[in-house]
PDB file of N, CA and C in Angstrom:
ATOM      1  N   UNK A   1       9.396  -0.725 -16.405  1.00  0.00           N
ATOM      2  CA  UNK A   1       7.926  -0.991 -16.320  1.00  0.00           C
ATOM      3  C   UNK A   1       7.345   0.219 -16.619  1.00  0.00           C
ATOM      4  N   UNK A   2       6.144   0.222 -17.720  1.00  0.00           N
ATOM      5  CA  UNK A   2       5.538   1.423 -18.280  1.00  0.00           C
ATOM      6  C   UNK A   2       4.430   1.613 -17.283  1.00  0.00           C
ATOM      7  N   UNK A   3       3.840   2.736 -17.390  1.00  0.00           N
ATOM      8  CA  UNK A   3       2.795   3.294 -16.630  1.00  0.00           C
ATOM      9  C   UNK A   3       1.447   2.450 -16.436  1.00  0.00           C
ATOM     10  N   UNK A   4       0.808   2.014 -17.719  1.00  0.00           N
ATOM     11  CA  UNK A   4      -0.384   1.200 -17.862  1.00  0.00           C
ATOM     12  C   UNK A   4      -0.107  -0.234 -16.871  1.00  0.00           C
ATOM     13  N   UNK A   5       1.104  -0.642 -17.033  1.00  0.00           N
ATOM     14  CA  UNK A   5       1.420  -2.023 -16.433  1.00  0.00           C
ATOM     15  C   UNK A   5       1.432  -1.765 -14.746  1.00  0.00           C
ATOM     16  N   UNK A   6       1.947  -0.725 -14.510  1.00  0.00           N
ATOM     17  CA  UNK A   6       1.984  -0.271 -12.959  1.00  0.00           C
ATOM     18  C   UNK A   6       0.679   0.013 -12.560  1.00  0.00           C
ATOM     19  N   UNK A   7      -0.252   0.580 -13.148  1.00  0.00           N
ATOM     20  CA  UNK A   7      -1.496   0.950 -12.987  1.00  0.00           C
ATOM     21  C   UNK A   7      -2.498  -0.390 -12.660  1.00  0.00           C
ATOM     22  N   UNK A   8      -2.157  -1.475 -13.730  1.00  0.00           N
ATOM     23  CA  UNK A   8      -2.935  -2.643 -13.455  1.00  0.00           C
ATOM     24  C   UNK A   8      -2.313  -3.348 -11.970  1.00  0.00           C
ATOM     25  N   UNK A   9      -0.950  -3.326 -12.051  1.00  0.00           N
ATOM     26  CA  UNK A   9      -0.509  -4.003 -10.747  1.00  0.00           C
ATOM     27  C   UNK A   9      -1.029  -3.491  -9.363  1.00  0.00           C
ATOM     28  N   UNK A  10      -0.896  -2.142  -9.487  1.00  0.00           N
ATOM     29  CA  UNK A  10      -1.288  -1.435  -8.381  1.00  0.00           C
ATOM     30  C   UNK A  10      -2.773  -1.670  -7.989  1.00  0.00           C
ATOM     31  N   UNK A  11      -3.594  -1.740  -9.072  1.00  0.00           N
ATOM     32  CA  UNK A  11      -5.260  -1.922  -8.789  1.00  0.00           C
ATOM     33  C   UNK A  11      -5.334  -3.418  -8.246  1.00  0.00           C
ATOM     34  N   UNK A  12      -4.700  -4.206  -8.925  1.00  0.00           N
ATOM     35  CA  UNK A  12      -4.973  -5.479  -8.499  1.00  0.00           C
ATOM     36  C   UNK A  12      -4.463  -5.899  -7.095  1.00  0.00           C
ATOM     37  N   UNK A  13      -3.290  -5.239  -6.863  1.00  0.00           N
ATOM     38  CA  UNK A  13      -2.717  -5.438  -5.532  1.00  0.00           C
ATOM     39  C   UNK A  13      -3.568  -4.690  -4.499  1.00  0.00           C
ATOM     40  N   UNK A  14      -4.111  -3.599  -4.672  1.00  0.00           N
ATOM     41  CA  UNK A  14      -5.280  -3.071  -3.768  1.00  0.00           C
ATOM     42  C   UNK A  14      -6.286  -3.950  -3.732  1.00  0.00           C
ATOM     43  N   UNK A  15      -6.704  -4.491  -4.593  1.00  0.00           N
ATOM     44  CA  UNK A  15      -7.794  -5.302  -4.360  1.00  0.00           C
ATOM     45  C   UNK A  15      -7.499  -6.735  -3.556  1.00  0.00           C
ATOM     46  N   UNK A  16      -6.294  -7.114  -3.748  1.00  0.00           N
ATOM     47  CA  UNK A  16      -5.691  -8.198  -2.821  1.00  0.00           C
ATOM     48  C   UNK A  16      -5.602  -7.830  -1.468  1.00  0.00           C
ATOM     49  N   UNK A  17      -5.219  -6.503  -1.163  1.00  0.00           N
ATOM     50  CA  UNK A  17      -5.136  -6.122   0.140  1.00  0.00           C
ATOM     51  C   UNK A  17      -6.424  -5.884   0.879  1.00  0.00           C
ATOM     52  N   UNK A  18      -7.351  -5.421   0.135  1.00  0.00           N
ATOM     53  CA  UNK A  18      -8.799  -5.346   0.869  1.00  0.00           C
ATOM     54  C   UNK A  18      -9.319  -6.618   1.112  1.00  0.00           C
ATOM     55  N   UNK A  19      -9.322  -7.548   0.008  1.00  0.00           N
ATOM     56  CA  UNK A  19      -9.809  -9.021   0.159  1.00  0.00           C
ATOM     57  C   UNK A  19      -8.943  -9.575   1.278  1.00  0.00           C
ATOM     58  N   UNK A  20      -7.651  -9.622   1.566  1.00  0.00           N
ATOM     59  CA  UNK A  20      -6.797 -10.210   2.522  1.00  0.00           C
ATOM     60  C   UNK A  20      -7.431  -9.711   3.861  1.00  0.00           C
ATOM     61  N   UNK A  21      -7.594  -8.430   4.010  1.00  0.00           N
ATOM     62  CA  UNK A  21      -7.948  -7.700   5.290  1.00  0.00           C
ATOM     63  C   UNK A  21      -9.449  -8.208   5.700  1.00  0.00           C
ATOM     64  N   UNK A  22     -10.257  -8.269   4.728  1.00  0.00           N
ATOM     65  CA  UNK A  22     -11.639  -8.478   5.002  1.00  0.00           C
ATOM     66  C   UNK A  22     -11.693 -10.214   5.556  1.00  0.00           C
ATOM     67  N   UNK A  23     -10.932 -10.952   4.597  1.00  0.00           N
ATOM     68  CA  UNK A  23     -10.986 -12.366   4.946  1.00  0.00           C
ATOM     69  C   UNK A  23     -10.242 -13.000   6.081  1.00  0.00           C
ATOM     70  N   UNK A  24      -9.481 -12.092   6.496  1.00  0.00           N
ATOM     71  CA  UNK A  24      -8.478 -12.321   7.782  1.00  0.00           C
ATOM     72  C   UNK A  24      -9.617 -12.150   8.906  1.00  0.00           C
ATOM     73  N   UNK A  25     -10.642 -11.136   8.966  1.00  0.00           N
ATOM     74  CA  UNK A  25     -11.454 -11.126  10.180  1.00  0.00           C
ATOM     75  C   UNK A  25     -12.361 -12.262  10.172  1.00  0.00           C
ATOM     76  N   UNK A  26     -12.562 -13.071   9.138  1.00  0.00           N
ATOM     77  CA  UNK A  26     -13.236 -14.226   8.964  1.00  0.00           C
ATOM     78  C   UNK A  26     -12.540 -15.509   9.384  1.00  0.00           C
ATOM     79  N   UNK A  27     -11.179 -15.279   9.801  1.00  0.00           N
ATOM     80  CA  UNK A  27     -10.105 -16.398  10.245  1.00  0.00           C
ATOM     81  C   UNK A  27      -9.940 -17.397   8.997  1.00  0.00           C
ATOM     82  N   UNK A  28      -9.939 -16.877   7.877  1.00  0.00           N
ATOM     83  CA  UNK A  28      -9.724 -17.577   6.769  1.00  0.00           C
ATOM     84  C   UNK A  28      -8.185 -18.047   6.769  1.00  0.00           C
ATOM     85  N   UNK A  29      -7.672 -19.255   6.466  1.00  0.00           N
ATOM     86  CA  UNK A  29      -6.412 -19.574   6.652  1.00  0.00           C
ATOM     87  C   UNK A  29      -5.334 -18.815   5.752  1.00  0.00           C
ATOM     88  N   UNK A  30      -5.717 -18.624   4.496  1.00  0.00           N
ATOM     89  CA  UNK A  30      -4.754 -18.164   3.435  1.00  0.00           C
ATOM     90  C   UNK A  30      -4.992 -16.547   3.304  1.00  0.00           C
ATOM     91  N   UNK A  31      -5.772 -15.903   4.196  1.00  0.00           N
ATOM     92  CA  UNK A  31      -6.022 -14.456   4.090  1.00  0.00           C
ATOM     93  C   UNK A  31      -4.788 -13.652   4.380  1.00  0.00           C
ATOM     94  N   UNK A  32      -3.882 -14.130   5.017  1.00  0.00           N
ATOM     95  CA  UNK A  32      -2.525 -13.319   5.337  1.00  0.00           C
ATOM     96  C   UNK A  32      -1.576 -13.563   3.957  1.00  0.00           C
ATOM     97  N   UNK A  33      -1.631 -14.370   3.507  1.00  0.00           N
ATOM     98  CA  UNK A  33      -1.106 -14.701   2.132  1.00  0.00           C
ATOM     99  C   UNK A  33      -1.505 -13.630   1.074  1.00  0.00           C
ATOM    100  N   UNK A  34      -2.988 -13.580   0.900  1.00  0.00           N
ATOM    101  CA  UNK A  34      -3.451 -12.579  -0.048  1.00  0.00           C
ATOM    102  C   UNK A  34      -3.127 -11.208   0.313  1.00  0.00           C
ATOM    103  N   UNK A  35      -3.243 -10.830   1.707  1.00  0.00           N
ATOM    104  CA  UNK A  35      -2.806  -9.571   2.085  1.00  0.00           C
ATOM    105  C   UNK A  35      -1.251  -9.269   1.804  1.00  0.00           C
ATOM    106  N   UNK A  36      -0.328 -10.412   2.094  1.00  0.00           N
ATOM    107  CA  UNK A  36       1.104  -9.988   1.680  1.00  0.00           C
ATOM    108  C   UNK A  36       1.334  -9.846   0.278  1.00  0.00           C
ATOM    109  N   UNK A  37       0.686 -10.655  -0.356  1.00  0.00           N
ATOM    110  CA  UNK A  37       0.823 -10.512  -1.921  1.00  0.00           C
ATOM    111  C   UNK A  37       0.498  -9.270  -2.604  1.00  0.00           C
ATOM    112  N   UNK A  38      -0.812  -8.605  -1.955  1.00  0.00           N
ATOM    113  CA  UNK A  38      -1.218  -7.416  -2.350  1.00  0.00           C
ATOM    114  C   UNK A  38      -0.145  -6.202  -1.845  1.00  0.00           C
ATOM    115  N   UNK A  39       0.164  -6.556  -0.645  1.00  0.00           N
ATOM    116  CA  UNK A  39       1.159  -5.420  -0.073  1.00  0.00           C
ATOM    117  C   UNK A  39       2.410  -5.407  -0.719  1.00  0.00           C
ATOM    118  N   UNK A  40       3.004  -6.492  -1.373  1.00  0.00           N
ATOM    119  CA  UNK A  40       4.247  -6.613  -1.977  1.00  0.00           C
ATOM    120  C   UNK A  40       4.010  -5.960  -3.457  1.00  0.00           C
ATOM    121  N   UNK A  41       2.828  -6.086  -4.064  1.00  0.00           N
ATOM    122  CA  UNK A  41       2.527  -5.362  -5.336  1.00  0.00           C
ATOM    123  C   UNK A  41       2.432  -3.846  -5.227  1.00  0.00           C
ATOM    124  N   UNK A  42       1.844  -3.475  -3.930  1.00  0.00           N
ATOM    125  CA  UNK A  42       1.628  -1.913  -3.674  1.00  0.00           C
ATOM    126  C   UNK A  42       3.011  -1.350  -3.437  1.00  0.00           C
ATOM    127  N   UNK A  43       3.732  -2.125  -2.711  1.00  0.00           N
ATOM    128  CA  UNK A  43       5.303  -1.582  -2.398  1.00  0.00           C
ATOM    129  C   UNK A  43       6.205  -1.652  -3.596  1.00  0.00           C
ATOM    130  N   UNK A  44       6.056  -2.607  -4.460  1.00  0.00           N
ATOM    131  CA  UNK A  44       6.979  -2.508  -5.580  1.00  0.00           C
ATOM    132  C   UNK A  44       6.477  -1.389  -6.387  1.00  0.00           C
ATOM    133  N   UNK A  45       5.348  -1.191  -6.726  1.00  0.00           N
ATOM    134  CA  UNK A  45       4.746  -0.108  -7.422  1.00  0.00           C
ATOM    135  C   UNK A  45       5.339   1.490  -6.791  1.00  0.00           C
ATOM    136  N   UNK A  46       5.210   1.596  -5.468  1.00  0.00           N
ATOM    137  CA  UNK A  46       5.567   2.681  -4.822  1.00  0.00           C
ATOM    138  C   UNK A  46       7.225   2.979  -4.978  1.00  0.00           C
ATOM    139  N   UNK A  47       7.816   1.782  -4.548  1.00  0.00           N
ATOM    140  CA  UNK A  47       9.305   1.882  -4.723  1.00  0.00           C
ATOM    141  C   UNK A  47      10.061   2.170  -6.125  1.00  0.00           C
ATOM    142  N   UNK A  48       9.290   1.716  -7.205  1.00  0.00           N
ATOM    143  CA  UNK A  48       9.823   1.835  -8.370  1.00  0.00           C
ATOM    144  C   UNK A  48       9.469   3.286  -9.108  1.00  0.00           C
ATOM    145  N   UNK A  49       8.486   4.022  -8.391  1.00  0.00           N
ATOM    146  CA  UNK A  49       8.185   5.211  -9.117  1.00  0.00           C
ATOM    147  C   UNK A  49       9.338   6.131  -9.111  1.00  0.00           C
ATOM    148  N   UNK A  50       9.748   6.922 -10.303  1.00  0.00           N
ATOM    149  CA  UNK A  50      10.675   7.758 -10.196  1.00  0.00           C
ATOM    150  C   UNK A  50      10.307   9.187  -9.365  1.00  0.00           C
ATOM    151  N   UNK A  51      11.245   9.726  -8.861  1.00  0.00           N
ATOM    152  CA  UNK A  51      11.201  10.907  -8.055  1.00  0.00           C
ATOM    153  C   UNK A  51      12.016  11.914  -8.263  1.00  0.00           C
ATOM    154  N   UNK A  52      13.111  11.698  -8.864  1.00  0.00           N
ATOM    155  CA  UNK A  52      14.360  12.616  -9.268  1.00  0.00           C
ATOM    156  C   UNK A  52      13.788  13.929  -9.864  1.00  0.00           C
ATOM    157  N   UNK A  53      12.913  13.948 -10.661  1.00  0.00           N
ATOM    158  CA  UNK A  53      12.390  15.200 -11.326  1.00  0.00           C
ATOM    159  C   UNK A  53      11.142  15.809 -10.859  1.00  0.00           C
ATOM    160  N   UNK A  54      10.766  15.197  -9.415  1.00  0.00           N
ATOM    161  CA  UNK A  54       9.768  15.750  -8.962  1.00  0.00           C
ATOM    162  C   UNK A  54       9.991  17.213  -8.125  1.00  0.00           C
ATOM    163  N   UNK A  55       9.022  18.043  -7.825  1.00  0.00           N
ATOM    164  CA  UNK A  55       9.299  19.176  -7.056  1.00  0.00           C
ATOM    165  C   UNK A  55       9.349  18.773  -5.564  1.00  0.00           C
ATOM    166  N   UNK A  56       9.674  19.622  -4.578  1.00  0.00           N
ATOM    167  CA  UNK A  56       9.533  19.561  -3.262  1.00  0.00           C
ATOM    168  C   UNK A  56       8.188  18.865  -2.720  1.00  0.00           C
ATOM    169  N   UNK A  57       7.146  19.373  -3.101  1.00  0.00           N
ATOM    170  CA  UNK A  57       5.823  18.814  -2.551  1.00  0.00           C
ATOM    171  C   UNK A  57       5.494  17.549  -3.111  1.00  0.00           C
ATOM    172  N   UNK A  58       5.784  17.269  -4.232  1.00  0.00           N
ATOM    173  CA  UNK A  58       5.642  15.873  -4.769  1.00  0.00           C
ATOM    174  C   UNK A  58       6.613  14.815  -4.178  1.00  0.00           C
ATOM    175  N   UNK A  59       7.814  15.343  -3.771  1.00  0.00           N
ATOM    176  CA  UNK A  59       8.662  14.330  -3.234  1.00  0.00           C
ATOM    177  C   UNK A  59       8.287  13.871  -1.718  1.00  0.00           C
ATOM    178  N   UNK A  60       7.702  14.951  -1.114  1.00  0.00           N
ATOM    179  CA  UNK A  60       7.270  14.722   0.046  1.00  0.00           C
ATOM    180  C   UNK A  60       6.079  13.721   0.214  1.00  0.00           C
ATOM    181  N   UNK A  61       5.205  13.891  -0.894  1.00  0.00           N
ATOM    182  CA  UNK A  61       3.990  13.052  -0.959  1.00  0.00           C
ATOM    183  C   UNK A  61       4.479  11.650  -1.331  1.00  0.00           C
ATOM    184  N   UNK A  62       5.705  11.616  -2.057  1.00  0.00           N
ATOM    185  CA  UNK A  62       6.133  10.072  -2.542  1.00  0.00           C
ATOM    186  C   UNK A  62       6.691   9.489  -1.148  1.00  0.00           C
ATOM    187  N   UNK A  63       7.306  10.394  -0.366  1.00  0.00           N
ATOM    188  CA  UNK A  63       7.954   9.762   0.927  1.00  0.00           C
ATOM    189  C   UNK A  63       6.672   9.302   1.732  1.00  0.00           C
ATOM    190  N   UNK A  64       5.548   9.906   1.749  1.00  0.00           N
ATOM    191  CA  UNK A  64       4.429   9.416   2.468  1.00  0.00           C
ATOM    192  C   UNK A  64       3.974   8.093   1.974  1.00  0.00           C
ATOM    193  N   UNK A  65       3.854   7.937   0.575  1.00  0.00           N
ATOM    194  CA  UNK A  65       3.422   6.747   0.038  1.00  0.00           C
ATOM    195  C   UNK A  65       4.378   5.652   0.256  1.00  0.00           C
ATOM    196  N   UNK A  66       5.798   5.954   0.269  1.00  0.00           N
ATOM    197  CA  UNK A  66       6.754   4.793   0.796  1.00  0.00           C
ATOM    198  C   UNK A  66       6.554   4.429   2.059  1.00  0.00           C
ATOM    199  N   UNK A  67       6.370   5.530   3.093  1.00  0.00           N
ATOM    200  CA  UNK A  67       6.152   5.138   4.619  1.00  0.00           C
ATOM    201  C   UNK A  67       4.816   4.312   4.665  1.00  0.00           C
ATOM    202  N   UNK A  68       3.868   4.567   4.011  1.00  0.00           N
ATOM    203  CA  UNK A  68       2.614   3.699   3.852  1.00  0.00           C
ATOM    204  C   UNK A  68       2.876   2.327   3.286  1.00  0.00           C
ATOM    205  N   UNK A  69       3.689   2.092   2.525  1.00  0.00           N
ATOM    206  CA  UNK A  69       4.020   0.834   1.864  1.00  0.00           C
ATOM    207  C   UNK A  69       4.735   0.077   2.932  1.00  0.00           C
ATOM    208  N   UNK A  70       5.609   0.807   3.666  1.00  0.00           N
ATOM    209  CA  UNK A  70       6.372   0.107   4.777  1.00  0.00           C
ATOM    210  C   UNK A  70       5.399  -0.340   5.989  1.00  0.00           C
ATOM    211  N   UNK A  71       4.488   0.577   6.262  1.00  0.00           N
ATOM    212  CA  UNK A  71       3.493   0.213   7.374  1.00  0.00           C
ATOM    213  C   UNK A  71       2.605  -0.975   6.762  1.00  0.00           C
ATOM    214  N   UNK A  72       2.394  -0.956   5.498  1.00  0.00           N
ATOM    215  CA  UNK A  72       1.583  -2.326   5.012  1.00  0.00           C
ATOM    216  C   UNK A  72       2.314  -3.430   5.270  1.00  0.00           C
ATOM    217  N   UNK A  73       3.496  -3.626   4.995  1.00  0.00           N
ATOM    218  CA  UNK A  73       4.590  -4.568   5.168  1.00  0.00           C
ATOM    219  C   UNK A  73       4.515  -5.042   6.623  1.00  0.00           C
ATOM    220  N   UNK A  74       4.732  -4.041   7.501  1.00  0.00           N
ATOM    221  CA  UNK A  74       4.598  -4.246   8.957  1.00  0.00           C
ATOM    222  C   UNK A  74       3.278  -4.960   9.341  1.00  0.00           C
ATOM    223  N   UNK A  75       2.303  -4.447   8.692  1.00  0.00           N
ATOM    224  CA  UNK A  75       0.906  -4.999   9.149  1.00  0.00           C
ATOM    225  C   UNK A  75       0.734  -6.487   8.441  1.00  0.00           C
ATOM    226  N   UNK A  76       1.368  -6.656   7.530  1.00  0.00           N
ATOM    227  CA  UNK A  76       1.446  -8.150   6.898  1.00  0.00           C
ATOM    228  C   UNK A  76       2.302  -9.052   7.825  1.00  0.00           C
ATOM    229  N   UNK A  77       3.301  -8.477   8.339  1.00  0.00           N
ATOM    230  CA  UNK A  77       4.047  -9.438   9.184  1.00  0.00           C
ATOM    231  C   UNK A  77       3.308  -9.620  10.532  1.00  0.00           C
ATOM    232  N   UNK A  78       2.556  -8.655  10.989  1.00  0.00           N
ATOM    233  CA  UNK A  78       1.805  -8.776  12.273  1.00  0.00           C
ATOM    234  C   UNK A  78       0.575  -9.623  11.948  1.00  0.00           C
ATOM    235  N   UNK A  79       0.130  -9.791  10.760  1.00  0.00           N
ATOM    236  CA  UNK A  79      -0.971 -10.788  10.556  1.00  0.00           C
ATOM    237  C   UNK A  79      -0.409 -12.226  10.741  1.00  0.00           C
ATOM    238  N   UNK A  80       0.733 -12.482   9.991  1.00  0.00           N
ATOM    239  CA  UNK A  80       1.222 -13.676  10.241  1.00  0.00           C
ATOM    240  C   UNK A  80       1.471 -14.229  11.775  1.00  0.00           C
ATOM    241  N   UNK A  81       1.735 -13.173  12.621  1.00  0.00           N
ATOM    242  CA  UNK A  81       1.976 -13.623  13.836  1.00  0.00           C
ATOM    243  C   UNK A  81       0.630 -13.466  14.734  1.00  0.00           C
ATOM    244  N   UNK A  82      -0.336 -13.222  14.066  1.00  0.00           N
ATOM    245  CA  UNK A  82      -1.872 -13.213  14.771  1.00  0.00           C
ATOM    246  C   UNK A  82      -1.932 -12.118  15.985  1.00  0.00           C
ATOM    247  N   UNK A  83      -1.253 -10.978  15.598  1.00  0.00           N
ATOM    248  CA  UNK A  83      -1.397  -9.863  16.247  1.00  0.00           C
ATOM    249  C   UNK A  83      -2.402  -8.870  15.941  1.00  0.00           C
ATOM    250  N   UNK A  84      -2.844  -8.200  16.750  1.00  0.00           N
ATOM    251  CA  UNK A  84      -4.174  -7.266  16.335  1.00  0.00           C
ATOM    252  C   UNK A  84      -3.586  -5.848  15.998  1.00  0.00           C
ATOM    253  N   UNK A  85      -2.295  -5.764  16.333  1.00  0.00           N
ATOM    254  CA  UNK A  85      -1.791  -4.261  15.889  1.00  0.00           C
ATOM    255  C   UNK A  85      -1.639  -4.097  14.378  1.00  0.00           C
ATOM    256  N   UNK A  86      -1.931  -5.100  13.724  1.00  0.00           N
ATOM    257  CA  UNK A  86      -1.924  -4.832  12.184  1.00  0.00           C
ATOM    258  C   UNK A  86      -3.013  -4.222  11.712  1.00  0.00           C
ATOM    259  N   UNK A  87      -4.081  -3.959  12.296  1.00  0.00           N
ATOM    260  CA  UNK A  87      -5.268  -3.055  12.086  1.00  0.00           C
ATOM    261  C   UNK A  87      -4.820  -1.564  12.198  1.00  0.00           C
ATOM    262  N   UNK A  88      -4.060  -1.177  13.315  1.00  0.00           N
ATOM    263  CA  UNK A  88      -3.340   0.134  13.461  1.00  0.00           C
ATOM    264  C   UNK A  88      -2.642   0.667  12.061  1.00  0.00           C
ATOM    265  N   UNK A  89      -1.679  -0.310  12.043  1.00  0.00           N
ATOM    266  CA  UNK A  89      -0.690  -0.134  10.896  1.00  0.00           C
ATOM    267  C   UNK A  89      -1.293   0.182   9.647  1.00  0.00           C
ATOM    268  N   UNK A  90      -2.250  -0.658   9.294  1.00  0.00           N
ATOM    269  CA  UNK A  90      -3.271  -0.663   7.956  1.00  0.00           C
ATOM    270  C   UNK A  90      -4.011   0.672   8.000  1.00  0.00           C
ATOM    271  N   UNK A  91      -4.439   1.019   9.221  1.00  0.00           N
ATOM    272  CA  UNK A  91      -5.175   2.309   9.159  1.00  0.00           C
ATOM    273  C   UNK A  91      -4.435   3.643   9.113  1.00  0.00           C
ATOM    274  N   UNK A  92      -3.177   3.705   9.660  1.00  0.00           N
ATOM    275  CA  UNK A  92      -2.298   4.668   9.296  1.00  0.00           C
ATOM    276  C   UNK A  92      -1.771   4.765   7.897  1.00  0.00           C
ATOM    277  N   UNK A  93      -1.535   3.547   7.278  1.00  0.00           N
ATOM    278  CA  UNK A  93      -1.121   3.673   5.836  1.00  0.00           C
ATOM    279  C   UNK A  93      -2.352   3.931   5.042  1.00  0.00           C
ATOM    280  N   UNK A  94      -3.603   3.589   5.422  1.00  0.00           N
ATOM    281  CA  UNK A  94      -4.509   4.006   4.451  1.00  0.00           C
ATOM    282  C   UNK A  94      -4.754   5.564   4.608  1.00  0.00           C
ATOM    283  N   UNK A  95      -4.556   6.079   5.786  1.00  0.00           N
ATOM    284  CA  UNK A  95      -4.891   7.466   6.073  1.00  0.00           C
ATOM    285  C   UNK A  95      -3.665   8.250   5.203  1.00  0.00           C
ATOM    286  N   UNK A  96      -2.455   7.780   5.183  1.00  0.00           N
ATOM    287  CA  UNK A  96      -1.489   8.505   4.527  1.00  0.00           C
ATOM    288  C   UNK A  96      -1.872   8.495   3.015  1.00  0.00           C
ATOM    289  N   UNK A  97      -2.322   7.298   2.362  1.00  0.00           N
ATOM    290  CA  UNK A  97      -2.463   7.152   1.199  1.00  0.00           C
ATOM    291  C   UNK A  97      -3.580   8.028   0.640  1.00  0.00           C
ATOM    292  N   UNK A  98      -4.697   8.305   1.473  1.00  0.00           N
ATOM    293  CA  UNK A  98      -5.857   8.877   1.284  1.00  0.00           C
ATOM    294  C   UNK A  98      -5.457  10.349   1.314  1.00  0.00           C
ATOM    295  N   UNK A  99      -4.561  10.834   2.143  1.00  0.00           N
ATOM    296  CA  UNK A  99      -4.074  12.260   2.135  1.00  0.00           C
ATOM    297  C   UNK A  99      -3.288  12.504   0.748  1.00  0.00           C
ATOM    298  N   UNK A 100      -2.608  11.613   0.531  1.00  0.00           N
ATOM    299  CA  UNK A 100      -1.696  11.706  -0.672  1.00  0.00           C
ATOM    300  C   UNK A 100      -2.544  11.821  -1.985  1.00  0.00           C
ATOM    301  N   UNK A 101      -3.494  10.991  -1.936  1.00  0.00           N
ATOM    302  CA  UNK A 101      -4.549  11.145  -3.043  1.00  0.00           C
ATOM    303  C   UNK A 101      -5.231  12.334  -3.366  1.00  0.00           C
ATOM    304  N   UNK A 102      -5.546  12.868  -2.130  1.00  0.00           N
ATOM    305  CA  UNK A 102      -6.397  14.306  -2.349  1.00  0.00           C
ATOM    306  C   UNK A 102      -5.303  15.297  -2.651  1.00  0.00           C
ATOM    307  N   UNK A 103      -4.141  15.445  -1.826  1.00  0.00           N
ATOM    308  CA  UNK A 103      -3.328  16.579  -1.941  1.00  0.00           C
ATOM    309  C   UNK A 103      -2.449  16.610  -3.172  1.00  0.00           C
ATOM    310  N   UNK A 104      -2.234  15.463  -3.809  1.00  0.00           N
ATOM    311  CA  UNK A 104      -1.396  15.513  -5.005  1.00  0.00           C
ATOM    312  C   UNK A 104      -1.784  16.406  -6.126  1.00  0.00           C
ATOM    313  N   UNK A 105      -1.148  17.435  -6.615  1.00  0.00           N
ATOM    314  CA  UNK A 105      -1.580  18.256  -7.632  1.00  0.00           C
ATOM    315  C   UNK A 105      -1.691  17.746  -8.854  1.00  0.00           C
ATOM    316  N   UNK A 106      -2.949  17.993  -9.576  1.00  0.00           N
ATOM    317  CA  UNK A 106      -3.251  17.506 -10.924  1.00  0.00           C
ATOM    318  C   UNK A 106      -2.284  18.094 -11.890  1.00  0.00           C
ATOM    319  N   UNK A 107      -1.901  17.313 -13.009  1.00  0.00           N
ATOM    320  CA  UNK A 107      -1.075  17.929 -14.069  1.00  0.00           C
ATOM    321  C   UNK A 107      -2.121  18.635 -15.103  1.00  0.00           C
ATOM    322  N   UNK A 108      -1.827  19.717 -15.655  1.00  0.00           N
ATOM    323  CA  UNK A 108      -2.605  20.316 -16.652  1.00  0.00           C
ATOM    324  C   UNK A 108      -2.526  19.617 -17.855  1.00  0.00           C
TER     325      UNK A 108
END
């Protein structure tokens, strides 16, 4: 999968995650499915990123993203069980992704 397709999948999946989380608060029946679909897209993008050629710092940040994807999958499972801990998992995942977005060094 090439980079523009991954970017489109990631952006669409992130949008589904946000929409699913917001609609879950309104008790819409299909909100967990939207959230799960978005989480699957984000996880697929993170799991398929190559990391062998990365330096130590970028590998560490890649592991943070992988951990955030796993937390989002757990949040999705908690949504289906109607547990409120999904908010905590999603918050930690969002903080990890935010940290990674700001700390990732820019290419020249």
